[in-house]
Amino acid sequence: MRFRALLQRLLPTTELWVEGEDPEILGVAPLDRATAQDLSFLENPRFYGALATTQAGAVLVGNEPQAIARLRERQIPFAQVPQPRLAFAQAIALFHPPQRPQPGIHPTAVLGEGVQVGRNVFVGPRAVIGDRCHLADDVVVHAGTVLYADVTVGARTVIHANGTIHAHTVLGADCLLHSGVVVGDEGFGFVPTPDGTWYKMPQVGRVVLGDRVEVGSNSTIDRGSLQDTVIGAGTKIDNLVQIGHGCRLGENCLLAGQVGLAGGAELGKNVTLGGQVGVSNHIQVGEGVMAAAKTGIASDVAAHSQVMGYPAIPLTTFRKASAIFRRLPEIYKLVKQLTPNDRDLEPSEPQDR
């Protein structure tokens, strides 16, 4: 496909600034690996140096005068686009469309009573579809996946191998669940008894996923004890994430690997949680909040805040504190010089136990 025709496919309604020849584009690649028939992109100034040696046939670039000057100098065709990374991602999808299995029910699959199967559905080897499940049109259930009774799966949703979807779970349309996902299992709820044992709190809610939700491999979403656990439309969940019972996530949230949400936590729309962020039970995190990796959120966070650390504090405060922390030894020496007789400043020795 010619470069300009490709741009028309990717950004049909966007007015673009395009310079250079119109090469044939047969693939996509990063700047340092691209050949004369590859499309590449530049968004991060850290990679300006790659423009000096790249062999890319064409490059997508933002409003970056330095990069544009280098591309002109090397006579590399380019297009100035509003979001180079997004346009490049769309180009990848165009050249590498997802592979879909041919519709059909594998002979080793097991379907329970009253199962409703839409058009063009694929159910793979040794998959189990429980009683009264409903699979909408174009659903894909890969090998070894188990759907308990009364599960509803929306149109075009894909569940990869060895997933487990518990009873009464509702999956929206265009969802993508990766291998090993467990959705709708019991929440972790126990009540102490007078004799010191634990009484199991029944978990009778459901899990409801909105449309276009993606859940990474080996992540778990527990059903609520009474109310449903709800994942808003467009939310993306990485691998090894734990979402506790009764949590409610707004639309278009982004949860990186090893995030943990305790029961009843609520996230507003467009919340981003970095890797290993933990949120305590029944905490409310406002719309648009961004929490850096390893943040511990133990109290409510106002909308559009940026937080970091444990306990979570504003990101700017954390950075200032971190800068001071590195200088504590020299600050301590200075304070000791100013107050030489203050015994309270003596560092305490660890106590033997």
Protein backbone atom coordinates (compact mmCIF):
# COMPACT_ATOMS: atom_id res chain seq x y z
CA MET A 1 0.00 0.00 0.00
CA ARG A 2 1.33 3.44 -0.88
CA PHE A 3 2.14 5.80 1.98
CA ARG A 4 -0.51 8.37 1.16
CA ALA A 5 -3.18 5.72 0.65
CA LEU A 6 -2.24 4.25 4.02
CA LEU A 7 -2.62 7.64 5.67
CA GLN A 8 -6.06 7.97 4.13
CA ARG A 9 -7.01 4.60 5.63
CA LEU A 10 -5.65 5.51 9.05
CA LEU A 11 -6.82 9.11 9.32
CA PRO A 12 -9.57 9.67 6.74
CA THR A 13 -11.00 12.81 8.38
CA THR A 14 -7.76 14.44 9.56
CA GLU A 15 -5.97 17.14 7.59
CA LEU A 16 -2.32 16.11 7.46
CA TRP A 17 0.97 17.70 6.46
CA VAL A 18 2.78 15.16 4.25
CA GLU A 19 6.21 15.59 2.63
CA GLY A 20 8.40 13.44 0.43
CA GLU A 21 7.81 10.66 -2.04
CA ASP A 22 5.02 8.10 -1.89
CA PRO A 23 6.81 4.81 -1.12
CA GLU A 24 5.23 1.37 -1.02
CA ILE A 25 4.63 0.40 2.62
CA LEU A 26 4.46 -3.31 3.36
CA GLY A 27 4.89 -3.38 7.13
CA VAL A 28 5.60 -1.56 10.38
CA ALA A 29 8.71 -1.44 12.55
CA PRO A 30 10.51 0.73 15.15
CA LEU A 31 12.97 3.27 13.81
CA ASP A 32 16.07 1.22 14.57
CA ARG A 33 14.76 -1.88 12.74
CA ALA A 34 12.72 -0.42 9.92
CA THR A 35 13.53 -1.10 6.28
CA ALA A 36 12.71 0.91 3.18
CA GLN A 37 9.26 -0.70 3.01
CA ASP A 38 8.34 -0.14 6.66
CA LEU A 39 6.35 2.60 8.33
CA SER A 40 7.74 3.87 11.64
CA PHE A 41 6.96 6.68 14.07
CA LEU A 42 8.59 9.14 16.46
CA GLU A 43 6.90 10.55 19.55
CA ASN A 44 9.47 10.53 22.34
CA PRO A 45 12.35 13.05 22.00
CA ARG A 46 14.65 10.41 23.53
CA PHE A 47 14.70 8.68 20.16
CA TYR A 48 15.67 11.68 18.01
CA GLY A 49 19.08 10.09 17.53
CA ALA A 50 17.54 7.14 15.69
CA LEU A 51 16.53 9.47 12.86
CA ALA A 52 20.19 9.75 11.86
CA THR A 53 20.43 6.07 10.93
CA THR A 54 16.90 4.78 10.37
CA GLN A 55 16.15 3.10 7.05
CA ALA A 56 12.37 3.55 7.41
CA GLY A 57 10.40 4.11 4.24
CA ALA A 58 8.18 6.68 5.96
CA VAL A 59 7.73 8.12 9.44
CA LEU A 60 4.78 9.43 11.44
CA VAL A 61 5.79 12.41 13.57
CA GLY A 62 4.11 15.04 15.73
CA ASN A 63 4.74 18.78 15.87
CA GLU A 64 8.47 18.34 16.45
CA PRO A 65 10.54 20.87 14.45
CA GLN A 66 13.86 19.19 15.27
CA ALA A 67 12.63 15.79 14.11
CA ILE A 68 11.01 17.24 10.99
CA ALA A 69 14.25 19.03 10.09
CA ARG A 70 16.20 15.79 10.39
CA LEU A 71 13.66 13.89 8.25
CA ARG A 72 13.87 16.59 5.57
CA GLU A 73 17.67 16.48 5.71
CA ARG A 74 17.63 12.72 5.11
CA GLN A 75 14.80 12.97 2.54
CA ILE A 76 12.63 10.49 4.42
CA PRO A 77 8.91 10.83 3.63
CA PHE A 78 6.89 11.79 6.69
CA ALA A 79 3.45 12.83 7.84
CA GLN A 80 2.83 15.21 10.70
CA VAL A 81 -0.06 13.73 12.69
CA PRO A 82 -1.76 14.75 15.96
CA GLN A 83 -0.93 11.51 17.81
CA PRO A 84 1.88 9.55 16.14
CA ARG A 85 1.77 6.61 18.55
CA LEU A 86 -1.98 6.17 18.14
CA ALA A 87 -1.75 6.33 14.35
CA PHE A 88 1.11 3.81 14.42
CA ALA A 89 -0.92 1.45 16.63
CA GLN A 90 -3.73 1.64 14.09
CA ALA A 91 -1.24 0.83 11.34
CA ILE A 92 -0.06 -2.24 13.26
CA ALA A 93 -3.67 -3.40 13.51
CA LEU A 94 -4.10 -2.88 9.79
CA PHE A 95 -1.04 -4.94 8.83
CA HIS A 96 -1.52 -7.57 11.52
CA PRO A 97 -5.26 -8.20 11.96
CA PRO A 98 -6.20 -10.63 14.74
CA GLN A 99 -6.51 -14.25 13.67
CA ARG A 100 -9.96 -15.67 14.29
CA PRO A 101 -10.71 -19.41 14.25
CA GLN A 102 -13.33 -20.77 11.91
CA PRO A 103 -16.78 -20.87 13.54
CA GLY A 104 -17.91 -24.18 14.97
CA ILE A 105 -18.21 -26.30 18.10
CA HIS A 106 -15.30 -28.68 18.62
CA PRO A 107 -16.45 -32.30 19.10
CA THR A 108 -14.73 -32.52 22.50
CA ALA A 109 -16.48 -29.40 23.83
CA VAL A 110 -19.31 -29.92 26.33
CA LEU A 111 -22.49 -27.84 26.18
CA GLY A 112 -25.06 -28.00 28.97
CA GLU A 113 -28.82 -27.84 28.73
CA GLY A 114 -30.52 -24.75 27.39
CA VAL A 115 -27.37 -23.13 26.00
CA GLN A 116 -28.06 -20.43 23.41
CA VAL A 117 -25.40 -20.04 20.73
CA GLY A 118 -25.42 -17.15 18.25
CA ARG A 119 -24.10 -17.06 14.71
CA ASN A 120 -20.43 -17.63 13.84
CA VAL A 121 -19.50 -18.78 17.35
CA PHE A 122 -16.35 -20.82 18.00
CA VAL A 123 -16.04 -23.15 21.01
CA GLY A 124 -12.66 -24.86 21.23
CA PRO A 125 -11.46 -28.29 22.36
CA ARG A 126 -12.52 -29.42 25.84
CA ALA A 127 -14.28 -26.16 26.60
CA VAL A 128 -17.28 -26.47 28.91
CA ILE A 129 -20.36 -24.28 28.51
CA GLY A 130 -22.71 -24.60 31.48
CA ASP A 131 -26.49 -24.79 31.52
CA ARG A 132 -28.44 -21.81 30.20
CA CYS A 133 -25.38 -19.86 29.07
CA HIS A 134 -25.90 -17.39 26.26
CA LEU A 135 -23.17 -16.82 23.67
CA ALA A 136 -23.95 -13.92 21.34
CA ASP A 137 -22.86 -13.70 17.69
CA ASP A 138 -19.16 -14.07 16.84
CA VAL A 139 -18.08 -15.11 20.34
CA VAL A 140 -14.83 -17.11 20.61
CA VAL A 141 -14.25 -19.51 23.52
CA HIS A 142 -10.82 -21.12 23.29
CA ALA A 143 -9.66 -24.53 24.48
CA GLY A 144 -10.15 -25.59 28.07
CA THR A 145 -12.25 -22.62 29.10
CA VAL A 146 -15.09 -23.25 31.55
CA LEU A 147 -18.29 -21.23 31.72
CA TYR A 148 -20.45 -22.07 34.72
CA ALA A 149 -24.24 -21.92 34.46
CA ASP A 150 -26.14 -18.79 33.41
CA VAL A 151 -23.18 -16.87 32.00
CA THR A 152 -23.91 -14.24 29.34
CA VAL A 153 -21.21 -13.41 26.79
CA GLY A 154 -21.67 -10.38 24.52
CA ALA A 155 -21.08 -10.24 20.79
CA ARG A 156 -17.52 -10.61 19.47
CA THR A 157 -16.06 -11.26 22.92
CA VAL A 158 -13.00 -13.55 22.99
CA ILE A 159 -12.04 -15.76 25.96
CA HIS A 160 -8.61 -17.31 25.58
CA ALA A 161 -7.54 -20.77 26.71
CA ASN A 162 -8.19 -22.02 30.23
CA GLY A 163 -10.31 -19.12 31.39
CA THR A 164 -12.91 -19.68 34.11
CA ILE A 165 -16.14 -17.68 34.18
CA HIS A 166 -18.33 -18.38 37.19
CA ALA A 167 -22.12 -18.55 37.35
CA HIS A 168 -24.29 -15.52 36.46
CA THR A 169 -21.36 -13.46 35.19
CA VAL A 170 -22.18 -10.96 32.44
CA LEU A 171 -19.51 -10.14 29.85
CA GLY A 172 -20.22 -7.23 27.51
CA ALA A 173 -19.58 -7.01 23.78
CA ASP A 174 -16.06 -6.85 22.30
CA CYS A 175 -14.36 -7.93 25.53
CA LEU A 176 -11.01 -9.72 25.49
CA LEU A 177 -10.11 -12.10 28.31
CA HIS A 178 -6.63 -13.59 28.21
CA SER A 179 -5.52 -17.04 29.31
CA GLY A 180 -6.04 -18.06 32.91
CA VAL A 181 -8.52 -15.33 33.79
CA VAL A 182 -10.97 -16.10 36.62
CA VAL A 183 -14.10 -13.95 36.69
CA GLY A 184 -16.92 -14.29 39.19
CA ASP A 185 -15.31 -16.50 41.82
CA GLU A 186 -16.21 -16.00 45.49
CA GLY A 187 -15.01 -12.86 47.19
CA PHE A 188 -12.76 -13.10 50.24
CA GLY A 189 -15.27 -12.48 53.01
CA PHE A 190 -15.16 -13.99 56.51
CA VAL A 191 -16.75 -12.96 59.81
CA PRO A 192 -15.06 -13.68 63.18
CA THR A 193 -17.02 -15.84 65.60
CA PRO A 194 -16.93 -15.91 69.43
CA ASP A 195 -14.90 -19.13 69.45
CA GLY A 196 -12.12 -17.60 67.33
CA THR A 197 -13.00 -19.30 64.05
CA TRP A 198 -14.13 -17.65 60.83
CA TYR A 199 -17.63 -17.83 59.38
CA LYS A 200 -17.75 -17.63 55.60
CA MET A 201 -19.77 -14.68 54.31
CA PRO A 202 -21.91 -15.90 51.39
CA GLN A 203 -21.04 -14.17 48.12
CA VAL A 204 -24.29 -13.92 46.16
CA GLY A 205 -23.57 -10.99 43.82
CA ARG A 206 -22.35 -11.14 40.22
CA VAL A 207 -19.57 -9.73 38.10
CA VAL A 208 -20.66 -7.46 35.25
CA LEU A 209 -18.14 -6.37 32.60
CA GLY A 210 -19.06 -3.52 30.28
CA ASP A 211 -18.26 -3.47 26.57
CA ARG A 212 -14.65 -3.42 25.34
CA VAL A 213 -13.14 -4.52 28.66
CA GLU A 214 -9.78 -6.32 28.46
CA VAL A 215 -8.50 -8.55 31.27
CA GLY A 216 -4.90 -9.81 31.28
CA SER A 217 -3.66 -13.32 31.95
CA ASN A 218 -4.16 -14.80 35.42
CA SER A 219 -6.12 -11.83 36.71
CA THR A 220 -9.09 -12.39 39.00
CA ILE A 221 -12.32 -10.47 39.49
CA ASP A 222 -14.39 -11.62 42.48
CA ARG A 223 -18.16 -11.44 42.66
CA GLY A 224 -19.74 -9.28 45.33
CA SER A 225 -21.18 -10.49 48.59
CA LEU A 226 -24.49 -8.72 47.90
CA GLN A 227 -23.98 -6.07 45.23
CA ASP A 228 -22.38 -6.75 41.85
CA THR A 229 -18.74 -6.18 41.04
CA VAL A 230 -18.86 -3.84 38.03
CA ILE A 231 -16.10 -3.08 35.50
CA GLY A 232 -16.92 -0.06 33.34
CA ALA A 233 -16.84 -0.07 29.56
CA GLY A 234 -13.44 0.35 27.94
CA THR A 235 -11.44 -0.49 31.07
CA LYS A 236 -8.14 -2.32 30.52
CA ILE A 237 -6.69 -4.64 33.18
CA ASP A 238 -3.15 -6.04 32.99
CA ASN A 239 -1.86 -9.46 34.07
CA LEU A 240 -1.94 -10.66 37.69
CA VAL A 241 -4.46 -8.10 38.91
CA GLN A 242 -6.78 -8.84 41.85
CA ILE A 243 -10.15 -7.06 42.01
CA GLY A 244 -12.00 -7.80 45.22
CA HIS A 245 -15.68 -8.39 45.81
CA GLY A 246 -18.08 -5.53 45.23
CA CYS A 247 -15.56 -3.21 43.55
CA ARG A 248 -16.91 -0.74 41.02
CA LEU A 249 -14.68 0.63 38.27
CA GLY A 250 -15.71 3.48 35.98
CA GLU A 251 -15.26 3.60 32.24
CA ASN A 252 -11.82 3.58 30.59
CA CYS A 253 -9.74 2.84 33.67
CA LEU A 254 -6.23 1.42 33.23
CA LEU A 255 -4.81 -1.01 35.81
CA ALA A 256 -1.19 -2.17 35.41
CA GLY A 257 0.21 -5.51 36.54
CA GLN A 258 -0.18 -6.68 40.15
CA VAL A 259 -2.64 -3.98 41.13
CA GLY A 260 -4.84 -5.07 44.03
CA LEU A 261 -8.24 -3.62 44.91
CA ALA A 262 -9.74 -4.66 48.24
CA GLY A 263 -13.45 -5.31 48.51
CA GLY A 264 -15.80 -2.42 47.86
CA ALA A 265 -13.18 -0.07 46.38
CA GLU A 266 -14.59 2.35 43.81
CA LEU A 267 -12.73 3.98 40.93
CA GLY A 268 -14.16 6.83 38.88
CA LYS A 269 -13.79 7.15 35.12
CA ASN A 270 -10.35 7.25 33.49
CA VAL A 271 -8.39 6.27 36.60
CA THR A 272 -4.84 5.01 35.95
CA LEU A 273 -3.12 2.78 38.52
CA GLY A 274 0.55 1.90 38.01
CA GLY A 275 2.06 -1.49 38.76
CA GLN A 276 1.53 -2.93 42.26
CA VAL A 277 -0.77 -0.14 43.41
CA GLY A 278 -2.93 -1.23 46.33
CA VAL A 279 -6.33 0.25 47.22
CA SER A 280 -7.90 -0.43 50.63
CA ASN A 281 -11.45 -1.64 51.07
CA HIS A 282 -14.32 0.78 50.46
CA ILE A 283 -11.99 3.57 49.31
CA GLN A 284 -13.23 5.99 46.65
CA VAL A 285 -10.76 7.09 43.98
CA GLY A 286 -12.05 10.01 41.95
CA GLU A 287 -12.31 10.45 38.20
CA GLY A 288 -9.05 10.92 36.32
CA VAL A 289 -6.75 10.03 39.23
CA MET A 290 -3.26 8.79 38.35
CA ALA A 291 -1.39 6.71 40.95
CA ALA A 292 2.29 5.89 40.38
CA ALA A 293 3.66 2.37 40.79
CA LYS A 294 3.62 0.83 44.29
CA THR A 295 1.34 3.54 45.68
CA GLY A 296 -0.72 2.49 48.70
CA ILE A 297 -4.13 4.18 48.73
CA ALA A 298 -5.65 3.97 52.21
CA SER A 299 -7.97 7.00 52.08
CA ASP A 300 -10.21 8.63 49.47
CA VAL A 301 -8.47 10.45 46.61
CA ALA A 302 -10.00 13.54 45.01
CA ALA A 303 -10.72 13.60 41.28
CA HIS A 304 -7.84 14.40 38.90
CA SER A 305 -5.18 14.01 41.60
CA GLN A 306 -1.74 12.54 40.94
CA VAL A 307 -0.46 10.52 43.89
CA MET A 308 2.52 8.40 44.85
CA GLY A 309 3.96 6.63 47.88
CA TYR A 310 2.59 4.82 50.91
CA PRO A 311 0.42 6.23 52.23
CA ALA A 312 -0.46 8.05 49.02
CA ILE A 313 0.47 11.74 48.93
CA PRO A 314 0.46 14.26 46.06
CA LEU A 315 3.06 13.39 43.44
CA THR A 316 4.80 16.77 43.69
CA THR A 317 5.07 16.42 47.48
CA PHE A 318 6.50 12.91 47.14
CA ARG A 319 9.16 14.09 44.69
CA LYS A 320 10.21 16.93 47.00
CA ALA A 321 10.32 14.55 49.95
CA SER A 322 12.39 12.06 47.95
CA ALA A 323 14.92 14.75 47.10
CA ILE A 324 15.21 15.63 50.80
CA PHE A 325 15.44 11.97 51.82
CA ARG A 326 18.61 11.50 49.79
CA ARG A 327 20.19 14.41 51.67
CA LEU A 328 19.14 13.38 55.18
CA PRO A 329 22.63 12.23 56.30
CA GLU A 330 24.22 15.59 55.49
CA ILE A 331 21.22 17.49 56.89
CA TYR A 332 21.54 15.49 60.12
CA LYS A 333 25.23 16.39 60.40
CA LEU A 334 24.40 20.07 59.88
CA VAL A 335 21.69 20.04 62.55
CA LYS A 336 24.06 18.28 64.98
CA GLN A 337 26.62 21.02 64.45
CA LEU A 338 24.01 23.67 65.21
CA THR A 339 22.67 21.86 68.30
CA PRO A 340 25.58 19.80 69.69
CA ASN A 341 24.00 19.28 73.13
CA ASP A 342 20.60 18.01 72.00
CA ARG A 343 20.53 14.33 72.95
CA ASP A 344 17.18 13.84 71.20
CA LEU A 345 19.03 14.00 67.89
CA GLU A 346 21.15 10.95 68.68
CA PRO A 347 20.19 8.07 66.35
CA SER A 348 18.57 5.27 68.33
CA GLU A 349 20.04 1.79 68.24
CA PRO A 350 17.82 -1.14 67.30
CA GLN A 351 16.57 -3.00 70.35
CA ASP A 352 17.28 -6.70 70.75
CA ARG A 353 14.18 -8.82 71.16
